[in-house]
Amino acid sequence: MSDAHSQSTGAVGEGQRTDARGETSERSSESWIDRLRIAVGWKSSPAALRADLESALEEESSETAEGGFSAEERAMIRNILRLRETRVDDVMVSRGEIEGIDEETPLDRVVLRFMGSGHSRMPVYRDSLDEATGMIHIRDLMSHIARTSAFGETLDLARADLSQRLVDSGLVRPVLFVPGTMPATDLLARMQANRIQMALVIDEFGGVDGLVSLEDIVETVVGDIEDEHDVEEAAAVVAAGPGQWIADARAELDEVATITGLDLADVGLDEEVETVGGLVVALTGRVPAVGEILTLEPLAGFSVEVLDADARRLKRLRLVRPTAVAP
């Protein structure tokens, strides 16, 4: 409910109500949910209610027919209960995967960037992503082009100045800047309050670490949300011959270990690493160049060939088990 609406209805303060004679009387502080708790025998404190919910979720699925939770409902409620422990950096897209656009880019190039990325929003920056100035929404862009090319009841695209720089178009919207340690629930509240659905995650030095959208947070509760334009991702790890695998550097370590048989028990890293690319960088202390073949002792003799990378991150790797014969 908006502030304007709550103020327009409010000569009577909270905790009071007006009767038919225009007099006010104290409203019971007991809400409907309090009465529901009493009716079903749940305790009224938030901690006790949380414990009751968690206990209810552990009930056997056979009780679902008697009015219990379905498997999908149980999964969603568990995700909601865990949400308060989820931080922004748990759900963010890492910096290396962010597709942004320079504010000096002409509008025709902006259109092509949107077409190539498949995103509806992209961060806008000056010189580098660390100098982010806002974001651009494809709806604003297409509305601008349609408005400037309107000719009567038709469109004449030749009338639209697509050479105009993005920074001069007035299409850049504000974006939120948040630390990675912020609880995801707090960011969700800020997004709702500010009506901004994109946030850039900054590190202690003010550099950009990642990006979070409203959809990223919602997906932690309901699971992946795919629209008509999403394409199914290729497998992160695929066999490439006897004892060989091609792996996306973003593949999770558990998946890599399961598919390849790689034993990660004795890796002994002090830092938290979740992807195979991150593991290689952590073990070498750098980003290896394309073409390098690394034999890393903690990886039980597995060799790693860098198939694709740039100066900032690894992209694709070949993993070879030590008993494998090279083709």
Protein backbone atom coordinates (compact mmCIF):
# COMPACT_ATOMS: atom_id res chain seq x y z
CA MET A 1 0.00 0.00 0.00
CA SER A 2 1.41 3.38 -0.92
CA ASP A 3 2.10 6.15 1.59
CA ALA A 4 -0.40 8.36 -0.20
CA HIS A 5 -3.14 5.80 0.22
CA SER A 6 -2.39 5.11 3.87
CA GLN A 7 -2.42 8.84 4.63
CA SER A 8 -5.70 9.44 2.76
CA THR A 9 -7.47 6.84 4.88
CA GLY A 10 -5.98 7.81 8.17
CA ALA A 11 -7.64 10.17 10.56
CA VAL A 12 -7.81 7.23 12.93
CA GLY A 13 -4.57 5.97 14.40
CA GLU A 14 -3.27 2.41 14.38
CA GLY A 15 -4.83 0.21 17.03
CA GLN A 16 -8.20 2.04 16.85
CA ARG A 17 -11.35 1.69 14.80
CA THR A 18 -14.41 3.90 14.24
CA ASP A 19 -17.85 2.55 15.10
CA ALA A 20 -21.19 3.51 13.52
CA ARG A 21 -21.54 6.53 15.87
CA GLY A 22 -18.19 7.92 14.80
CA GLU A 23 -16.55 6.99 18.10
CA THR A 24 -13.28 5.15 18.28
CA SER A 25 -12.58 2.03 20.26
CA GLU A 26 -9.43 0.08 20.86
CA ARG A 27 -8.93 -2.70 18.32
CA SER A 28 -7.72 -5.99 19.65
CA SER A 29 -3.97 -6.36 19.20
CA GLU A 30 -4.55 -9.99 18.37
CA SER A 31 -4.23 -10.45 14.61
CA TRP A 32 -5.84 -13.18 12.53
CA ILE A 33 -2.54 -15.03 12.33
CA ASP A 34 -2.26 -14.96 16.13
CA ARG A 35 -5.70 -16.55 16.35
CA LEU A 36 -4.69 -19.11 13.74
CA ARG A 37 -1.60 -20.05 15.75
CA ILE A 38 -3.74 -20.58 18.85
CA ALA A 39 -6.29 -22.63 16.90
CA VAL A 40 -3.71 -25.05 15.50
CA GLY A 41 -1.68 -25.17 18.69
CA TRP A 42 1.43 -23.36 17.44
CA LYS A 43 3.34 -21.15 19.84
CA SER A 44 3.24 -17.43 19.18
CA SER A 45 6.92 -16.43 19.26
CA PRO A 46 8.66 -16.06 15.87
CA ALA A 47 11.38 -18.55 16.85
CA ALA A 48 8.79 -21.10 17.93
CA LEU A 49 6.76 -20.58 14.76
CA ARG A 50 9.90 -21.13 12.68
CA ALA A 51 10.65 -24.32 14.59
CA ASP A 52 7.04 -25.49 14.10
CA LEU A 53 7.31 -24.91 10.35
CA GLU A 54 10.60 -26.75 10.09
CA SER A 55 9.13 -29.64 12.07
CA ALA A 56 6.07 -29.72 9.82
CA LEU A 57 8.29 -29.86 6.75
CA GLU A 58 9.92 -33.04 8.06
CA GLU A 59 6.64 -34.90 8.06
CA GLU A 60 6.33 -37.82 5.72
CA SER A 61 5.00 -37.00 2.25
CA SER A 62 2.29 -39.61 2.84
CA GLU A 63 0.53 -37.06 5.02
CA THR A 64 0.16 -34.70 2.07
CA ALA A 65 -3.17 -36.25 1.19
CA GLU A 66 -4.43 -35.29 4.63
CA GLY A 67 -3.80 -31.61 4.11
CA GLY A 68 -0.03 -31.45 4.61
CA PHE A 69 2.53 -29.81 2.33
CA SER A 70 3.30 -31.16 -1.12
CA ALA A 71 6.94 -31.77 -2.12
CA GLU A 72 6.97 -28.53 -4.11
CA GLU A 73 5.50 -26.57 -1.22
CA ARG A 74 8.02 -28.03 1.21
CA ALA A 75 10.92 -27.10 -1.07
CA MET A 76 9.67 -23.55 -1.49
CA ILE A 77 9.05 -23.00 2.23
CA ARG A 78 12.53 -24.37 3.04
CA ASN A 79 14.00 -21.93 0.55
CA ILE A 80 12.09 -19.07 2.18
CA LEU A 81 13.36 -20.08 5.63
CA ARG A 82 16.93 -20.17 4.31
CA LEU A 83 16.60 -16.83 2.53
CA ARG A 84 17.40 -14.80 5.62
CA GLU A 85 20.82 -16.52 5.74
CA THR A 86 21.51 -15.84 2.04
CA ARG A 87 23.88 -12.99 1.21
CA VAL A 88 23.98 -10.94 -1.96
CA ASP A 89 27.28 -12.50 -3.03
CA ASP A 90 25.64 -15.96 -2.81
CA VAL A 91 23.23 -15.12 -5.64
CA MET A 92 25.17 -12.58 -7.73
CA VAL A 93 26.48 -13.05 -11.25
CA SER A 94 30.27 -12.73 -11.07
CA ARG A 95 32.01 -9.77 -12.67
CA GLY A 96 33.48 -11.87 -15.46
CA GLU A 97 29.97 -12.78 -16.65
CA ILE A 98 28.53 -9.25 -16.62
CA GLU A 99 27.61 -7.83 -20.01
CA GLY A 100 27.74 -4.05 -19.75
CA ILE A 101 27.90 -1.25 -22.27
CA ASP A 102 29.97 1.94 -22.49
CA GLU A 103 28.00 5.17 -22.26
CA GLU A 104 29.74 6.43 -25.42
CA THR A 105 28.21 3.64 -27.51
CA PRO A 106 25.86 4.86 -30.29
CA LEU A 107 22.27 3.66 -30.10
CA ASP A 108 22.51 1.42 -33.16
CA ARG A 109 25.29 -0.51 -31.43
CA VAL A 110 23.25 -0.64 -28.24
CA VAL A 111 20.44 -2.35 -30.17
CA LEU A 112 22.90 -4.93 -31.49
CA ARG A 113 24.32 -5.53 -28.02
CA PHE A 114 20.86 -6.24 -26.65
CA MET A 115 20.13 -8.56 -29.55
CA GLY A 116 23.35 -10.47 -28.94
CA SER A 117 23.07 -10.68 -25.16
CA GLY A 118 19.41 -11.62 -24.82
CA HIS A 119 19.13 -9.46 -21.69
CA SER A 120 16.43 -6.88 -21.02
CA ARG A 121 18.72 -4.69 -18.88
CA MET A 122 22.43 -3.97 -19.03
CA PRO A 123 24.67 -1.86 -16.78
CA VAL A 124 26.12 1.29 -18.33
CA TYR A 125 29.64 2.42 -17.48
CA ARG A 126 32.19 5.11 -18.22
CA ASP A 127 35.54 3.67 -19.43
CA SER A 128 35.28 0.54 -17.22
CA LEU A 129 32.71 -1.39 -15.22
CA ASP A 130 34.16 0.06 -12.03
CA GLU A 131 32.83 3.44 -13.21
CA ALA A 132 29.23 2.30 -13.62
CA THR A 133 26.76 5.14 -14.18
CA GLY A 134 23.45 3.27 -14.31
CA MET A 135 21.60 0.82 -16.53
CA ILE A 136 19.71 0.76 -19.81
CA HIS A 137 16.41 -1.10 -20.30
CA ILE A 138 15.55 -2.42 -23.75
CA ARG A 139 11.98 -1.19 -23.36
CA ASP A 140 13.21 2.40 -22.91
CA LEU A 141 15.48 2.02 -25.91
CA MET A 142 12.79 0.68 -28.24
CA SER A 143 10.26 3.28 -27.03
CA HIS A 144 12.79 6.02 -27.77
CA ILE A 145 13.41 4.71 -31.28
CA ALA A 146 9.68 4.34 -31.98
CA ARG A 147 8.94 7.82 -30.64
CA THR A 148 11.65 9.56 -32.64
CA SER A 149 10.83 7.67 -35.84
CA ALA A 150 7.07 8.16 -35.68
CA PHE A 151 5.61 9.61 -38.88
CA GLY A 152 1.85 9.90 -38.63
CA GLU A 153 0.56 6.41 -37.94
CA THR A 154 3.65 4.71 -39.33
CA LEU A 155 7.32 4.48 -38.43
CA ASP A 156 10.11 5.91 -40.55
CA LEU A 157 13.28 4.57 -38.94
CA ALA A 158 15.38 6.95 -41.03
CA ARG A 159 14.04 9.74 -38.81
CA ALA A 160 15.57 8.18 -35.66
CA ASP A 161 19.11 9.33 -34.88
CA LEU A 162 20.75 6.01 -34.11
CA SER A 163 24.19 7.61 -34.15
CA GLN A 164 23.34 9.42 -30.91
CA ARG A 165 25.51 8.38 -27.97
CA LEU A 166 23.85 6.52 -25.15
CA VAL A 167 25.03 9.11 -22.64
CA ASP A 168 23.19 11.85 -24.59
CA SER A 169 19.95 9.93 -25.03
CA GLY A 170 18.56 10.38 -21.52
CA LEU A 171 17.84 6.64 -21.36
CA VAL A 172 20.23 5.69 -18.55
CA ARG A 173 18.36 4.77 -15.38
CA PRO A 174 19.84 4.61 -11.85
CA VAL A 175 21.14 1.33 -10.47
CA LEU A 176 21.66 0.21 -6.88
CA PHE A 177 25.15 -0.28 -5.43
CA VAL A 178 25.35 -2.77 -2.57
CA PRO A 179 28.02 -4.75 -0.68
CA GLY A 180 28.24 -8.49 -1.14
CA THR A 181 27.67 -9.04 2.58
CA MET A 182 24.18 -7.50 2.48
CA PRO A 183 21.41 -10.03 3.23
CA ALA A 184 19.46 -10.87 0.08
CA THR A 185 16.21 -10.05 1.91
CA ASP A 186 17.47 -6.50 2.59
CA LEU A 187 18.31 -6.03 -1.08
CA LEU A 188 14.88 -7.33 -2.06
CA ALA A 189 13.29 -4.71 0.20
CA ARG A 190 15.47 -1.95 -1.31
CA MET A 191 14.56 -3.03 -4.84
CA GLN A 192 10.88 -2.90 -3.97
CA ALA A 193 11.17 0.47 -2.25
CA ASN A 194 13.20 2.08 -5.06
CA ARG A 195 11.49 0.25 -7.96
CA ILE A 196 14.92 -0.73 -9.30
CA GLN A 197 15.44 -4.34 -10.29
CA MET A 198 19.22 -4.35 -10.80
CA ALA A 199 22.05 -3.91 -8.30
CA LEU A 200 25.81 -3.87 -8.79
CA VAL A 201 27.78 -5.56 -6.02
CA ILE A 202 30.84 -3.57 -4.93
CA ASP A 203 33.94 -4.65 -3.03
CA GLU A 204 35.67 -2.81 -0.20
CA PHE A 205 37.56 -0.63 -2.68
CA GLY A 206 34.47 0.41 -4.62
CA GLY A 207 35.13 -1.87 -7.59
CA VAL A 208 32.36 -3.95 -9.13
CA ASP A 209 32.37 -7.59 -8.02
CA GLY A 210 29.11 -8.79 -9.52
CA LEU A 211 25.51 -8.10 -10.47
CA VAL A 212 22.20 -9.11 -8.91
CA SER A 213 18.75 -8.81 -10.43
CA LEU A 214 15.37 -9.20 -8.78
CA GLU A 215 14.97 -12.45 -10.70
CA ASP A 216 18.17 -13.84 -9.14
CA ILE A 217 16.71 -13.38 -5.66
CA VAL A 218 13.28 -14.76 -6.56
CA GLU A 219 14.92 -17.83 -8.12
CA THR A 220 16.47 -18.74 -4.75
CA VAL A 221 12.92 -19.40 -3.58
CA VAL A 222 11.05 -20.74 -6.62
CA GLY A 223 13.90 -22.21 -8.66
CA ASP A 224 15.06 -21.27 -12.15
CA ILE A 225 12.70 -19.06 -14.12
CA GLU A 226 13.00 -19.49 -17.86
CA ASP A 227 11.19 -17.37 -20.43
CA GLU A 228 10.49 -17.86 -24.13
CA HIS A 229 13.95 -16.63 -25.13
CA ASP A 230 16.03 -18.74 -22.76
CA VAL A 231 17.98 -21.52 -24.43
CA GLU A 232 19.00 -24.73 -22.75
CA GLU A 233 22.61 -24.52 -21.62
CA ALA A 234 25.07 -27.08 -22.89
CA ALA A 235 26.46 -29.56 -20.39
CA ALA A 236 29.23 -28.02 -18.30
CA VAL A 237 31.43 -31.13 -18.52
CA VAL A 238 31.45 -33.44 -21.57
CA ALA A 239 33.58 -36.46 -22.42
CA ALA A 240 36.18 -35.83 -25.11
CA GLY A 241 37.76 -39.28 -25.38
CA PRO A 242 39.05 -41.98 -23.02
CA GLY A 243 39.92 -40.29 -19.73
CA GLN A 244 39.41 -36.78 -21.14
CA TRP A 245 36.76 -34.13 -20.57
CA ILE A 246 36.07 -30.64 -21.84
CA ALA A 247 34.83 -28.47 -18.98
CA ASP A 248 33.36 -25.02 -18.77
CA ALA A 249 35.56 -23.21 -16.25
CA ARG A 250 32.38 -22.24 -14.38
CA ALA A 251 31.47 -25.91 -13.81
CA GLU A 252 30.94 -26.65 -10.12
CA LEU A 253 33.59 -28.77 -8.45
CA ASP A 254 31.11 -31.36 -7.19
CA GLU A 255 29.88 -31.94 -10.74
CA VAL A 256 33.43 -32.18 -12.11
CA ALA A 257 34.43 -34.64 -9.37
CA THR A 258 31.38 -36.83 -9.99
CA ILE A 259 31.89 -37.03 -13.76
CA THR A 260 35.69 -37.33 -13.91
CA GLY A 261 36.42 -39.17 -10.67
CA LEU A 262 38.72 -36.36 -9.56
CA ASP A 263 39.46 -36.66 -5.82
CA LEU A 264 39.30 -33.23 -4.21
CA ALA A 265 39.69 -34.43 -0.62
CA ASP A 266 43.39 -33.51 -0.39
CA VAL A 267 43.37 -30.23 -2.27
CA GLY A 268 43.65 -28.35 1.02
CA LEU A 269 42.77 -24.81 -0.06
CA ASP A 270 42.35 -22.15 2.61
CA GLU A 271 39.94 -20.14 0.47
CA GLU A 272 36.47 -21.17 -0.64
CA VAL A 273 36.42 -22.28 -4.27
CA GLU A 274 33.31 -23.50 -6.08
CA THR A 275 34.29 -23.87 -9.75
CA VAL A 276 36.97 -25.81 -11.60
CA GLY A 277 38.31 -22.60 -13.12
CA GLY A 278 38.54 -21.02 -9.69
CA LEU A 279 40.36 -24.11 -8.42
CA VAL A 280 43.01 -23.88 -11.16
CA VAL A 281 43.54 -20.16 -10.54
CA ALA A 282 43.78 -20.75 -6.79
CA LEU A 283 46.35 -23.54 -7.21
CA THR A 284 48.52 -21.62 -9.68
CA GLY A 285 48.10 -18.16 -8.15
CA ARG A 286 47.39 -16.64 -11.58
CA VAL A 287 45.20 -16.91 -14.68
CA PRO A 288 47.01 -19.36 -17.00
CA ALA A 289 47.21 -18.46 -20.69
CA VAL A 290 45.55 -20.28 -23.56
CA GLY A 291 47.57 -23.34 -24.59
CA GLU A 292 49.20 -23.94 -21.21
CA ILE A 293 49.16 -27.52 -19.95
CA LEU A 294 49.37 -27.78 -16.18
CA THR A 295 50.06 -30.83 -14.06
CA LEU A 296 49.00 -29.93 -10.55
CA GLU A 297 49.99 -32.25 -7.70
CA PRO A 298 46.86 -31.60 -5.59
CA LEU A 299 44.75 -32.84 -8.51
CA ALA A 300 46.04 -36.41 -8.20
CA GLY A 301 47.98 -36.31 -11.45
CA PHE A 302 45.21 -34.83 -13.61
CA SER A 303 46.57 -32.47 -16.24
CA VAL A 304 44.67 -29.32 -17.20
CA GLU A 305 44.94 -27.70 -20.63
CA VAL A 306 43.63 -24.16 -21.03
CA LEU A 307 41.51 -24.08 -24.20
CA ASP A 308 39.98 -20.61 -23.81
CA ALA A 309 40.70 -17.70 -21.48
CA ASP A 310 41.27 -13.98 -21.34
CA ALA A 311 43.36 -11.79 -19.07
CA ARG A 312 40.76 -11.94 -16.28
CA ARG A 313 39.38 -15.46 -16.22
CA LEU A 314 39.49 -18.99 -17.54
CA LYS A 315 36.67 -20.04 -19.85
CA ARG A 316 37.21 -23.59 -21.10
CA LEU A 317 39.51 -26.40 -19.96
CA ARG A 318 40.51 -29.89 -20.99
CA LEU A 319 40.93 -32.31 -18.10
CA VAL A 320 43.01 -35.46 -18.69
CA ARG A 321 43.23 -38.35 -16.25
CA PRO A 322 46.83 -39.54 -15.80
CA THR A 323 46.14 -43.03 -17.23
CA ALA A 324 44.56 -41.61 -20.37
CA VAL A 325 46.36 -41.87 -23.67
CA ALA A 326 46.41 -38.61 -25.59
CA PRO A 327 44.77 -38.87 -29.04
